[in-house]
PDB file of N, CA and C in Angstrom:
ATOM      1  N   MET A   1      64.012 -50.215 133.505  1.00  0.00           N
ATOM      2  CA  MET A   1      64.554 -51.302 134.869  1.00  0.00           C
ATOM      3  C   MET A   1      63.685 -51.246 136.074  1.00  0.00           C
ATOM      4  N   ALA A   2      62.715 -51.089 136.309  1.00  0.00           N
ATOM      5  CA  ALA A   2      61.985 -51.296 137.231  1.00  0.00           C
ATOM      6  C   ALA A   2      60.895 -52.873 137.160  1.00  0.00           C
ATOM      7  N   GLY A   3      61.339 -52.763 135.827  1.00  0.00           N
ATOM      8  CA  GLY A   3      60.371 -54.566 136.212  1.00  0.00           C
ATOM      9  C   GLY A   3      61.495 -55.606 136.330  1.00  0.00           C
ATOM     10  N   ALA A   4      63.193 -55.174 136.054  1.00  0.00           N
ATOM     11  CA  ALA A   4      63.512 -56.133 135.736  1.00  0.00           C
ATOM     12  C   ALA A   4      64.342 -56.291 137.508  1.00  0.00           C
ATOM     13  N   LEU A   5      63.954 -55.003 138.001  1.00  0.00           N
ATOM     14  CA  LEU A   5      64.414 -55.029 139.815  1.00  0.00           C
ATOM     15  C   LEU A   5      63.403 -55.995 140.311  1.00  0.00           C
ATOM     16  N   THR A   6      62.344 -56.175 139.926  1.00  0.00           N
ATOM     17  CA  THR A   6      60.928 -56.561 140.365  1.00  0.00           C
ATOM     18  C   THR A   6      61.115 -58.035 140.232  1.00  0.00           C
ATOM     19  N   ARG A   7      61.452 -58.239 138.701  1.00  0.00           N
ATOM     20  CA  ARG A   7      61.683 -60.095 138.851  1.00  0.00           C
ATOM     21  C   ARG A   7      62.473 -60.487 139.572  1.00  0.00           C
ATOM     22  N   PHE A   8      63.974 -59.245 139.385  1.00  0.00           N
ATOM     23  CA  PHE A   8      65.093 -60.561 140.350  1.00  0.00           C
ATOM     24  C   PHE A   8      64.050 -60.256 141.995  1.00  0.00           C
ATOM     25  N   ARG A   9      64.057 -59.290 142.310  1.00  0.00           N
ATOM     26  CA  ARG A   9      63.131 -59.600 143.926  1.00  0.00           C
ATOM     27  C   ARG A   9      62.489 -60.866 144.010  1.00  0.00           C
ATOM     28  N   VAL A  10      61.568 -61.078 143.222  1.00  0.00           N
ATOM     29  CA  VAL A  10      60.679 -62.012 143.418  1.00  0.00           C
ATOM     30  C   VAL A  10      61.279 -62.881 143.379  1.00  0.00           C
ATOM     31  N   MET A  11      62.595 -63.565 142.462  1.00  0.00           N
ATOM     32  CA  MET A  11      63.071 -64.643 142.136  1.00  0.00           C
ATOM     33  C   MET A  11      63.830 -65.411 143.311  1.00  0.00           C
ATOM     34  N   ALA A  12      64.564 -63.683 143.706  1.00  0.00           N
ATOM     35  CA  ALA A  12      65.316 -64.115 145.079  1.00  0.00           C
ATOM     36  C   ALA A  12      64.819 -64.838 146.311  1.00  0.00           C
ATOM     37  N   TYR A  13      63.382 -64.075 146.570  1.00  0.00           N
ATOM     38  CA  TYR A  13      63.028 -64.314 146.954  1.00  0.00           C
ATOM     39  C   TYR A  13      62.641 -65.428 147.118  1.00  0.00           C
ATOM     40  N   ILE A  14      62.195 -66.342 146.023  1.00  0.00           N
ATOM     41  CA  ILE A  14      61.439 -67.505 146.046  1.00  0.00           C
ATOM     42  C   ILE A  14      62.697 -68.910 146.104  1.00  0.00           C
ATOM     43  N   VAL A  15      64.216 -68.304 145.084  1.00  0.00           N
ATOM     44  CA  VAL A  15      65.426 -69.262 145.782  1.00  0.00           C
ATOM     45  C   VAL A  15      65.843 -69.087 146.238  1.00  0.00           C
ATOM     46  N   GLY A  16      65.574 -68.108 147.203  1.00  0.00           N
ATOM     47  CA  GLY A  16      65.951 -68.352 148.653  1.00  0.00           C
ATOM     48  C   GLY A  16      65.401 -69.264 149.667  1.00  0.00           C
ATOM     49  N   VAL A  17      63.943 -69.278 149.756  1.00  0.00           N
ATOM     50  CA  VAL A  17      63.126 -70.247 150.646  1.00  0.00           C
ATOM     51  C   VAL A  17      63.027 -71.397 150.129  1.00  0.00           C
ATOM     52  N   PHE A  18      63.179 -72.037 148.484  1.00  0.00           N
ATOM     53  CA  PHE A  18      63.126 -73.192 148.263  1.00  0.00           C
ATOM     54  C   PHE A  18      65.038 -74.333 148.840  1.00  0.00           C
ATOM     55  N   LEU A  19      65.769 -73.185 148.640  1.00  0.00           N
ATOM     56  CA  LEU A  19      66.933 -74.046 148.858  1.00  0.00           C
ATOM     57  C   LEU A  19      67.236 -73.421 150.676  1.00  0.00           C
ATOM     58  N   LEU A  20      66.494 -73.208 151.323  1.00  0.00           N
ATOM     59  CA  LEU A  20      66.158 -72.670 152.776  1.00  0.00           C
ATOM     60  C   LEU A  20      65.447 -74.398 153.350  1.00  0.00           C
ATOM     61  N   ILE A  21      64.305 -74.376 152.781  1.00  0.00           N
ATOM     62  CA  ILE A  21      63.860 -75.825 152.372  1.00  0.00           C
ATOM     63  C   ILE A  21      64.528 -76.887 152.224  1.00  0.00           C
ATOM     64  N   LEU A  22      65.394 -76.677 151.126  1.00  0.00           N
ATOM     65  CA  LEU A  22      66.245 -77.982 150.850  1.00  0.00           C
ATOM     66  C   LEU A  22      67.154 -78.372 151.708  1.00  0.00           C
ATOM     67  N   VAL A  23      67.960 -77.239 151.866  1.00  0.00           N
ATOM     68  CA  VAL A  23      69.540 -77.255 153.129  1.00  0.00           C
ATOM     69  C   VAL A  23      68.985 -77.555 154.438  1.00  0.00           C
ATOM     70  N   PHE A  24      67.802 -77.031 155.067  1.00  0.00           N
ATOM     71  CA  PHE A  24      67.539 -77.142 156.417  1.00  0.00           C
ATOM     72  C   PHE A  24      66.117 -77.903 156.754  1.00  0.00           C
ATOM     73  N   VAL A  25      65.639 -78.693 156.270  1.00  0.00           N
ATOM     74  CA  VAL A  25      63.921 -79.743 156.020  1.00  0.00           C
ATOM     75  C   VAL A  25      64.658 -81.240 155.298  1.00  0.00           C
ATOM     76  N   ALA A  26      64.491 -80.499 153.968  1.00  0.00           N
ATOM     77  CA  ALA A  26      64.752 -82.157 153.097  1.00  0.00           C
ATOM     78  C   ALA A  26      65.937 -82.330 153.559  1.00  0.00           C
ATOM     79  N   MET A  27      67.363 -81.672 153.440  1.00  0.00           N
ATOM     80  CA  MET A  27      68.562 -82.892 153.466  1.00  0.00           C
ATOM     81  C   MET A  27      68.771 -83.942 154.831  1.00  0.00           C
ATOM     82  N   PRO A  28      68.167 -83.463 155.912  1.00  0.00           N
ATOM     83  CA  PRO A  28      68.354 -83.623 157.437  1.00  0.00           C
ATOM     84  C   PRO A  28      67.313 -84.919 156.795  1.00  0.00           C
ATOM     85  N   LEU A  29      65.996 -84.565 156.620  1.00  0.00           N
ATOM     86  CA  LEU A  29      65.116 -85.296 156.173  1.00  0.00           C
ATOM     87  C   LEU A  29      65.568 -86.804 155.639  1.00  0.00           C
ATOM     88  N   LYS A  30      66.352 -86.322 154.368  1.00  0.00           N
ATOM     89  CA  LYS A  30      66.885 -87.260 154.364  1.00  0.00           C
ATOM     90  C   LYS A  30      67.948 -88.051 154.730  1.00  0.00           C
ATOM     91  N   TYR A  31      68.897 -87.465 155.696  1.00  0.00           N
ATOM     92  CA  TYR A  31      70.294 -88.360 156.126  1.00  0.00           C
ATOM     93  C   TYR A  31      69.838 -88.828 157.376  1.00  0.00           C
ATOM     94  N   PHE A  32      68.904 -87.787 158.025  1.00  0.00           N
ATOM     95  CA  PHE A  32      68.581 -88.006 159.469  1.00  0.00           C
ATOM     96  C   PHE A  32      67.477 -89.310 159.126  1.00  0.00           C
ATOM     97  N   ALA A  33      66.559 -89.059 158.867  1.00  0.00           N
ATOM     98  CA  ALA A  33      64.969 -89.938 158.958  1.00  0.00           C
ATOM     99  C   ALA A  33      65.325 -90.728 157.848  1.00  0.00           C
ATOM    100  N   ASP A  34      65.537 -91.277 156.894  1.00  0.00           N
ATOM    101  CA  ASP A  34      65.809 -91.788 155.745  1.00  0.00           C
ATOM    102  C   ASP A  34      64.496 -91.407 155.128  1.00  0.00           C
ATOM    103  N   GLN A  35      64.601 -90.027 154.592  1.00  0.00           N
ATOM    104  CA  GLN A  35      63.057 -90.137 154.065  1.00  0.00           C
ATOM    105  C   GLN A  35      63.369 -89.185 152.749  1.00  0.00           C
ATOM    106  N   PRO A  36      63.655 -89.926 151.662  1.00  0.00           N
ATOM    107  CA  PRO A  36      64.343 -88.895 150.400  1.00  0.00           C
ATOM    108  C   PRO A  36      63.392 -88.353 149.339  1.00  0.00           C
ATOM    109  N   THR A  37      62.098 -88.037 150.179  1.00  0.00           N
ATOM    110  CA  THR A  37      61.262 -87.682 149.203  1.00  0.00           C
ATOM    111  C   THR A  37      61.447 -86.597 148.926  1.00  0.00           C
ATOM    112  N   LEU A  38      61.307 -85.519 150.126  1.00  0.00           N
ATOM    113  CA  LEU A  38      61.134 -84.894 150.242  1.00  0.00           C
ATOM    114  C   LEU A  38      62.309 -83.961 149.525  1.00  0.00           C
ATOM    115  N   VAL A  39      63.136 -84.327 149.341  1.00  0.00           N
ATOM    116  CA  VAL A  39      64.596 -84.159 148.555  1.00  0.00           C
ATOM    117  C   VAL A  39      64.424 -84.147 147.138  1.00  0.00           C
ATOM    118  N   ALA A  40      63.350 -84.825 146.973  1.00  0.00           N
ATOM    119  CA  ALA A  40      63.085 -85.617 145.469  1.00  0.00           C
ATOM    120  C   ALA A  40      62.528 -84.587 144.755  1.00  0.00           C
ATOM    121  N   ILE A  41      61.736 -84.003 145.675  1.00  0.00           N
ATOM    122  CA  ILE A  41      60.404 -82.975 145.509  1.00  0.00           C
ATOM    123  C   ILE A  41      60.970 -81.726 144.990  1.00  0.00           C
ATOM    124  N   VAL A  42      61.963 -81.214 146.249  1.00  0.00           N
ATOM    125  CA  VAL A  42      62.229 -79.640 146.143  1.00  0.00           C
ATOM    126  C   VAL A  42      63.498 -79.547 145.624  1.00  0.00           C
ATOM    127  N   GLY A  43      63.912 -81.075 145.046  1.00  0.00           N
ATOM    128  CA  GLY A  43      65.780 -80.427 144.718  1.00  0.00           C
ATOM    129  C   GLY A  43      65.302 -80.040 143.165  1.00  0.00           C
ATOM    130  N   PRO A  44      64.449 -80.550 142.628  1.00  0.00           N
ATOM    131  CA  PRO A  44      64.190 -80.302 140.948  1.00  0.00           C
ATOM    132  C   PRO A  44      63.536 -78.876 141.041  1.00  0.00           C
ATOM    133  N   ILE A  45      62.745 -78.917 141.818  1.00  0.00           N
ATOM    134  CA  ILE A  45      62.272 -76.821 141.655  1.00  0.00           C
ATOM    135  C   ILE A  45      63.038 -76.396 142.291  1.00  0.00           C
ATOM    136  N   HIS A  46      63.640 -76.223 142.947  1.00  0.00           N
ATOM    137  CA  HIS A  46      65.059 -75.583 143.216  1.00  0.00           C
ATOM    138  C   HIS A  46      65.667 -75.230 142.116  1.00  0.00           C
ATOM    139  N   GLY A  47      66.409 -76.578 141.617  1.00  0.00           N
ATOM    140  CA  GLY A  47      66.656 -75.976 140.166  1.00  0.00           C
ATOM    141  C   GLY A  47      66.512 -75.575 139.278  1.00  0.00           C
ATOM    142  N   PHE A  48      65.256 -75.666 138.663  1.00  0.00           N
ATOM    143  CA  PHE A  48      64.383 -75.058 137.921  1.00  0.00           C
ATOM    144  C   PHE A  48      64.629 -73.475 138.219  1.00  0.00           C
ATOM    145  N   LEU A  49      63.904 -72.798 139.331  1.00  0.00           N
ATOM    146  CA  LEU A  49      63.840 -71.963 139.915  1.00  0.00           C
ATOM    147  C   LEU A  49      64.873 -71.142 139.979  1.00  0.00           C
ATOM    148  N   TYR A  50      66.186 -71.874 139.905  1.00  0.00           N
ATOM    149  CA  TYR A  50      67.447 -71.078 140.286  1.00  0.00           C
ATOM    150  C   TYR A  50      67.408 -70.541 138.677  1.00  0.00           C
ATOM    151  N   MET A  51      67.565 -71.898 137.417  1.00  0.00           N
ATOM    152  CA  MET A  51      67.964 -70.797 136.613  1.00  0.00           C
ATOM    153  C   MET A  51      66.783 -69.835 135.899  1.00  0.00           C
ATOM    154  N   VAL A  52      65.713 -69.687 136.675  1.00  0.00           N
ATOM    155  CA  VAL A  52      65.121 -68.479 136.282  1.00  0.00           C
ATOM    156  C   VAL A  52      65.958 -67.790 136.920  1.00  0.00           C
ATOM    157  N   TYR A  53      66.140 -67.633 138.388  1.00  0.00           N
ATOM    158  CA  TYR A  53      66.979 -66.468 139.115  1.00  0.00           C
ATOM    159  C   TYR A  53      68.219 -66.160 138.700  1.00  0.00           C
ATOM    160  N   LEU A  54      68.612 -66.983 137.490  1.00  0.00           N
ATOM    161  CA  LEU A  54      70.006 -66.787 136.647  1.00  0.00           C
ATOM    162  C   LEU A  54      69.421 -66.079 135.881  1.00  0.00           C
ATOM    163  N   VAL A  55      68.640 -66.180 134.981  1.00  0.00           N
ATOM    164  CA  VAL A  55      68.263 -65.225 133.730  1.00  0.00           C
ATOM    165  C   VAL A  55      67.411 -63.487 134.705  1.00  0.00           C
ATOM    166  N   THR A  56      67.061 -63.867 135.674  1.00  0.00           N
ATOM    167  CA  THR A  56      66.390 -62.820 135.706  1.00  0.00           C
ATOM    168  C   THR A  56      67.761 -61.577 136.606  1.00  0.00           C
ATOM    169  N   ALA A  57      68.554 -63.015 137.197  1.00  0.00           N
ATOM    170  CA  ALA A  57      69.518 -61.787 137.852  1.00  0.00           C
ATOM    171  C   ALA A  57      70.072 -61.488 136.572  1.00  0.00           C
ATOM    172  N   PHE A  58      70.794 -61.982 135.093  1.00  0.00           N
ATOM    173  CA  PHE A  58      71.358 -61.449 134.327  1.00  0.00           C
ATOM    174  C   PHE A  58      71.013 -60.784 133.877  1.00  0.00           C
ATOM    175  N   ASP A  59      69.450 -60.487 133.764  1.00  0.00           N
ATOM    176  CA  ASP A  59      68.890 -59.717 132.589  1.00  0.00           C
ATOM    177  C   ASP A  59      69.119 -58.232 133.608  1.00  0.00           C
ATOM    178  N   LEU A  60      68.879 -57.933 135.249  1.00  0.00           N
ATOM    179  CA  LEU A  60      69.034 -57.004 135.583  1.00  0.00           C
ATOM    180  C   LEU A  60      70.104 -56.397 135.610  1.00  0.00           C
ATOM    181  N   ALA A  61      71.317 -56.939 135.829  1.00  0.00           N
ATOM    182  CA  ALA A  61      72.362 -56.724 135.779  1.00  0.00           C
ATOM    183  C   ALA A  61      73.060 -56.060 134.591  1.00  0.00           C
ATOM    184  N   VAL A  62      72.432 -56.699 133.488  1.00  0.00           N
ATOM    185  CA  VAL A  62      72.713 -55.676 132.232  1.00  0.00           C
ATOM    186  C   VAL A  62      71.943 -54.430 131.770  1.00  0.00           C
ATOM    187  N   ARG A  63      70.993 -54.409 132.896  1.00  0.00           N
ATOM    188  CA  ARG A  63      70.202 -52.998 132.292  1.00  0.00           C
ATOM    189  C   ARG A  63      70.687 -52.317 133.432  1.00  0.00           C
ATOM    190  N   ALA A  64      71.104 -52.460 134.269  1.00  0.00           N
ATOM    191  CA  ALA A  64      72.212 -51.537 135.586  1.00  0.00           C
ATOM    192  C   ALA A  64      73.593 -51.434 135.230  1.00  0.00           C
ATOM    193  N   LYS A  65      74.116 -52.263 134.375  1.00  0.00           N
ATOM    194  CA  LYS A  65      75.480 -52.158 134.022  1.00  0.00           C
ATOM    195  C   LYS A  65      76.638 -51.754 134.952  1.00  0.00           C
ATOM    196  N   TRP A  66      75.815 -53.115 135.805  1.00  0.00           N
ATOM    197  CA  TRP A  66      76.628 -54.055 137.478  1.00  0.00           C
ATOM    198  C   TRP A  66      78.060 -54.500 136.287  1.00  0.00           C
ATOM    199  N   PRO A  67      79.083 -54.038 137.011  1.00  0.00           N
ATOM    200  CA  PRO A  67      80.447 -54.542 136.739  1.00  0.00           C
ATOM    201  C   PRO A  67      80.196 -56.516 136.794  1.00  0.00           C
ATOM    202  N   PHE A  68      81.436 -56.557 136.328  1.00  0.00           N
ATOM    203  CA  PHE A  68      81.621 -58.905 135.864  1.00  0.00           C
ATOM    204  C   PHE A  68      81.680 -58.842 137.408  1.00  0.00           C
ATOM    205  N   THR A  69      82.308 -58.567 138.117  1.00  0.00           N
ATOM    206  CA  THR A  69      82.511 -59.312 139.403  1.00  0.00           C
ATOM    207  C   THR A  69      81.313 -59.536 140.303  1.00  0.00           C
ATOM    208  N   ARG A  70      80.970 -58.485 140.616  1.00  0.00           N
ATOM    209  CA  ARG A  70      79.269 -58.250 141.400  1.00  0.00           C
ATOM    210  C   ARG A  70      78.410 -59.230 140.298  1.00  0.00           C
ATOM    211  N   THR A  71      78.606 -58.912 138.964  1.00  0.00           N
ATOM    212  CA  THR A  71      77.190 -59.672 138.496  1.00  0.00           C
ATOM    213  C   THR A  71      77.376 -60.907 138.687  1.00  0.00           C
ATOM    214  N   VAL A  72      79.156 -61.986 138.487  1.00  0.00           N
ATOM    215  CA  VAL A  72      79.127 -62.838 139.071  1.00  0.00           C
ATOM    216  C   VAL A  72      78.279 -63.443 140.565  1.00  0.00           C
ATOM    217  N   LEU A  73      78.949 -62.446 141.521  1.00  0.00           N
ATOM    218  CA  LEU A  73      78.857 -62.689 142.680  1.00  0.00           C
ATOM    219  C   LEU A  73      76.985 -62.618 143.270  1.00  0.00           C
ATOM    220  N   VAL A  74      76.391 -62.184 142.690  1.00  0.00           N
ATOM    221  CA  VAL A  74      74.841 -61.982 142.397  1.00  0.00           C
ATOM    222  C   VAL A  74      74.303 -63.203 141.952  1.00  0.00           C
ATOM    223  N   LEU A  75      74.952 -64.183 140.851  1.00  0.00           N
ATOM    224  CA  LEU A  75      74.422 -65.288 140.224  1.00  0.00           C
ATOM    225  C   LEU A  75      74.568 -66.046 141.375  1.00  0.00           C
ATOM    226  N   LEU A  76      75.666 -66.305 141.531  1.00  0.00           N
ATOM    227  CA  LEU A  76      75.950 -67.542 142.787  1.00  0.00           C
ATOM    228  C   LEU A  76      75.066 -67.288 143.994  1.00  0.00           C
ATOM    229  N   ALA A  77      74.688 -65.981 144.962  1.00  0.00           N
ATOM    230  CA  ALA A  77      73.551 -65.946 145.830  1.00  0.00           C
ATOM    231  C   ALA A  77      73.013 -66.958 146.142  1.00  0.00           C
ATOM    232  N   GLY A  78      71.867 -67.268 145.119  1.00  0.00           N
ATOM    233  CA  GLY A  78      71.247 -68.521 144.762  1.00  0.00           C
ATOM    234  C   GLY A  78      71.807 -69.664 145.077  1.00  0.00           C
ATOM    235  N   THR A  79      72.934 -69.972 145.432  1.00  0.00           N
ATOM    236  CA  THR A  79      73.446 -71.163 145.831  1.00  0.00           C
ATOM    237  C   THR A  79      73.984 -71.487 147.240  1.00  0.00           C
ATOM    238  N   ILE A  80      73.911 -70.220 147.690  1.00  0.00           N
ATOM    239  CA  ILE A  80      74.114 -69.917 149.209  1.00  0.00           C
ATOM    240  C   ILE A  80      73.177 -70.013 149.864  1.00  0.00           C
ATOM    241  N   PRO A  81      72.964 -70.873 150.917  1.00  0.00           N
ATOM    242  CA  PRO A  81      71.471 -69.860 152.121  1.00  0.00           C
ATOM    243  C   PRO A  81      71.970 -68.828 152.420  1.00  0.00           C
ATOM    244  N   VAL A  82      70.962 -67.967 152.290  1.00  0.00           N
ATOM    245  CA  VAL A  82      70.565 -66.450 153.082  1.00  0.00           C
ATOM    246  C   VAL A  82      71.148 -65.731 151.679  1.00  0.00           C
ATOM    247  N   MET A  83      71.905 -65.877 151.003  1.00  0.00           N
ATOM    248  CA  MET A  83      72.951 -65.148 150.215  1.00  0.00           C
ATOM    249  C   MET A  83      71.976 -64.034 148.627  1.00  0.00           C
ATOM    250  N   SER A  84      71.095 -65.103 149.049  1.00  0.00           N
ATOM    251  CA  SER A  84      69.938 -64.998 147.596  1.00  0.00           C
ATOM    252  C   SER A  84      68.818 -63.850 148.453  1.00  0.00           C
ATOM    253  N   PHE A  85      68.125 -63.513 149.657  1.00  0.00           N
ATOM    254  CA  PHE A  85      68.155 -62.275 150.357  1.00  0.00           C
ATOM    255  C   PHE A  85      69.102 -61.338 151.062  1.00  0.00           C
ATOM    256  N   ILE A  86      70.564 -61.565 150.434  1.00  0.00           N
ATOM    257  CA  ILE A  86      71.621 -60.599 150.949  1.00  0.00           C
ATOM    258  C   ILE A  86      71.629 -59.916 150.174  1.00  0.00           C
ATOM    259  N   ALA A  87      71.519 -60.605 148.906  1.00  0.00           N
ATOM    260  CA  ALA A  87      71.613 -59.463 147.298  1.00  0.00           C
ATOM    261  C   ALA A  87      70.963 -58.748 146.658  1.00  0.00           C
ATOM    262  N   GLU A  88      69.722 -59.646 147.059  1.00  0.00           N
ATOM    263  CA  GLU A  88      68.361 -58.840 146.983  1.00  0.00           C
ATOM    264  C   GLU A  88      68.543 -57.409 147.788  1.00  0.00           C
ATOM    265  N   ARG A  89      68.913 -57.492 148.486  1.00  0.00           N
ATOM    266  CA  ARG A  89      68.367 -56.086 149.573  1.00  0.00           C
ATOM    267  C   ARG A  89      69.840 -55.387 149.014  1.00  0.00           C
ATOM    268  N   LYS A  90      71.159 -56.201 149.247  1.00  0.00           N
ATOM    269  CA  LYS A  90      72.167 -55.199 148.761  1.00  0.00           C
ATOM    270  C   LYS A  90      71.849 -54.012 146.853  1.00  0.00           C
ATOM    271  N   ALA A  91      70.619 -55.732 146.107  1.00  0.00           N
ATOM    272  CA  ALA A  91      70.865 -54.257 144.923  1.00  0.00           C
ATOM    273  C   ALA A  91      69.562 -53.700 145.071  1.00  0.00           C
ATOM    274  N   THR A  92      68.586 -53.436 146.070  1.00  0.00           N
ATOM    275  CA  THR A  92      67.778 -52.713 145.668  1.00  0.00           C
ATOM    276  C   THR A  92      67.598 -51.375 147.116  1.00  0.00           C
ATOM    277  N   VAL A  93      68.631 -51.424 148.234  1.00  0.00           N
ATOM    278  CA  VAL A  93      68.607 -50.496 149.213  1.00  0.00           C
ATOM    279  C   VAL A  93      69.789 -50.308 149.439  1.00  0.00           C
ATOM    280  N   LEU A  94      71.306 -50.698 149.498  1.00  0.00           N
ATOM    281  CA  LEU A  94      72.318 -50.787 150.125  1.00  0.00           C
ATOM    282  C   LEU A  94      73.237 -50.183 148.710  1.00  0.00           C
ATOM    283  N   ASP A  95      72.789 -49.929 147.745  1.00  0.00           N
ATOM    284  CA  ASP A  95      73.322 -49.410 146.115  1.00  0.00           C
ATOM    285  C   ASP A  95      72.484 -48.756 145.804  1.00  0.00           C
ATOM    286  N   PRO A  96      72.012 -47.492 146.031  1.00  0.00           N
ATOM    287  CA  PRO A  96      71.100 -46.743 145.283  1.00  0.00           C
ATOM    288  C   PRO A  96      71.574 -46.245 144.022  1.00  0.00           C
ATOM    289  N   GLY A  97      72.485 -46.219 143.469  1.00  0.00           N
ATOM    290  CA  GLY A  97      72.328 -45.691 142.172  1.00  0.00           C
ATOM    291  C   GLY A  97      72.411 -44.518 141.576  1.00  0.00           C
ATOM    292  N   PRO A  98      71.921 -44.070 140.708  1.00  0.00           N
ATOM    293  CA  PRO A  98      71.563 -42.824 140.133  1.00  0.00           C
ATOM    294  C   PRO A  98      71.013 -42.063 140.763  1.00  0.00           C
ATOM    295  N   GLY A  99      69.227 -42.690 141.568  1.00  0.00           N
ATOM    296  CA  GLY A  99      68.664 -41.745 142.418  1.00  0.00           C
ATOM    297  C   GLY A  99      68.312 -42.238 143.592  1.00  0.00           C
ATOM    298  N   ALA A 100      67.081 -41.968 144.479  1.00  0.00           N
ATOM    299  CA  ALA A 100      67.480 -42.119 145.588  1.00  0.00           C
ATOM    300  C   ALA A 100      67.447 -44.246 145.895  1.00  0.00           C
ATOM    301  N   ASP A 101      66.526 -43.929 145.238  1.00  0.00           N
ATOM    302  CA  ASP A 101      65.420 -46.045 145.130  1.00  0.00           C
ATOM    303  C   ASP A 101      66.810 -47.029 144.779  1.00  0.00           C
ATOM    304  N   GLY A 102      67.884 -46.510 143.042  1.00  0.00           N
ATOM    305  CA  GLY A 102      68.431 -47.325 143.034  1.00  0.00           C
ATOM    306  C   GLY A 102      67.514 -47.942 141.115  1.00  0.00           C
ATOM    307  N   LEU A 103      66.652 -47.091 141.911  1.00  0.00           N
ATOM    308  CA  LEU A 103      65.793 -47.172 139.766  1.00  0.00           C
ATOM    309  C   LEU A 103      66.336 -45.774 139.807  1.00  0.00           C
ATOM    310  N   GLY A 104      67.105 -45.204 139.444  1.00  0.00           N
ATOM    311  CA  GLY A 104      67.319 -43.838 138.854  1.00  0.00           C
ATOM    312  C   GLY A 104      65.671 -42.884 138.923  1.00  0.00           C
ATOM    313  N   ILE A 105      65.754 -42.958 140.396  1.00  0.00           N
ATOM    314  CA  ILE A 105      64.468 -42.236 140.690  1.00  0.00           C
ATOM    315  C   ILE A 105      64.660 -41.194 142.079  1.00  0.00           C
ATOM    316  N   SER A 106      64.943 -39.949 141.466  1.00  0.00           N
ATOM    317  CA  SER A 106      64.739 -38.859 142.504  1.00  0.00           C
ATOM    318  C   SER A 106      64.094 -38.610 144.033  1.00  0.00           C
ATOM    319  N   PRO A 107      64.214 -38.668 144.913  1.00  0.00           N
ATOM    320  CA  PRO A 107      63.010 -38.756 145.862  1.00  0.00           C
ATOM    321  C   PRO A 107      61.937 -37.952 145.962  1.00  0.00           C
ATOM    322  N   GLY A 108      62.149 -37.429 145.193  1.00  0.00           N
ATOM    323  CA  GLY A 108      61.097 -36.022 144.952  1.00  0.00           C
ATOM    324  C   GLY A 108      59.977 -36.322 143.363  1.00  0.00           C
ATOM    325  N   MET A 109      60.567 -37.528 142.975  1.00  0.00           N
ATOM    326  CA  MET A 109      59.999 -38.410 141.969  1.00  0.00           C
ATOM    327  C   MET A 109      58.525 -39.251 141.716  1.00  0.00           C
ATOM    328  N   SER A 110      57.803 -39.611 141.059  1.00  0.00           N
ATOM    329  CA  SER A 110      57.173 -40.275 140.993  1.00  0.00           C
ATOM    330  C   SER A 110      57.079 -41.406 139.910  1.00  0.00           C
ATOM    331  N   ARG A 111      57.198 -42.739 140.528  1.00  0.00           N
ATOM    332  CA  ARG A 111      57.916 -43.461 139.823  1.00  0.00           C
ATOM    333  C   ARG A 111      57.254 -44.389 138.809  1.00  0.00           C
ATOM    334  N   PRO A 112      57.707 -44.864 137.536  1.00  0.00           N
ATOM    335  CA  PRO A 112      56.767 -44.859 136.284  1.00  0.00           C
ATOM    336  C   PRO A 112      55.601 -46.230 136.621  1.00  0.00           C
ATOM    337  N   ALA A 113      54.669 -45.584 136.059  1.00  0.00           N
ATOM    338  CA  ALA A 113      53.493 -46.597 136.293  1.00  0.00           C
ATOM    339  C   ALA A 113      53.811 -48.109 135.180  1.00  0.00           C
TER     340      ALA A 113
END
């Protein structure tokens, strides 16, 4: 499950950054400066990366046996600015699961290679 968590964390950050760029840089440039080029570039990239985020988040949810509601909320987190960062943090820190770090590893144990 450690690999699934790592993939999810990476995609959550990437999708979050691209969504922030899209919403807070590209969209204002499009509507206030009549510069639609950045939206035309960042929009499709974010869309593709969001699909990859959905796959990685669903994979993690299945492996971690998350309830349906939590799974849906994490999947939707990539559509709201900043929420993918919050979902990533909650998945890794605030919900420790069986072990101390959310991966089923007790504090005295080492992580698998």
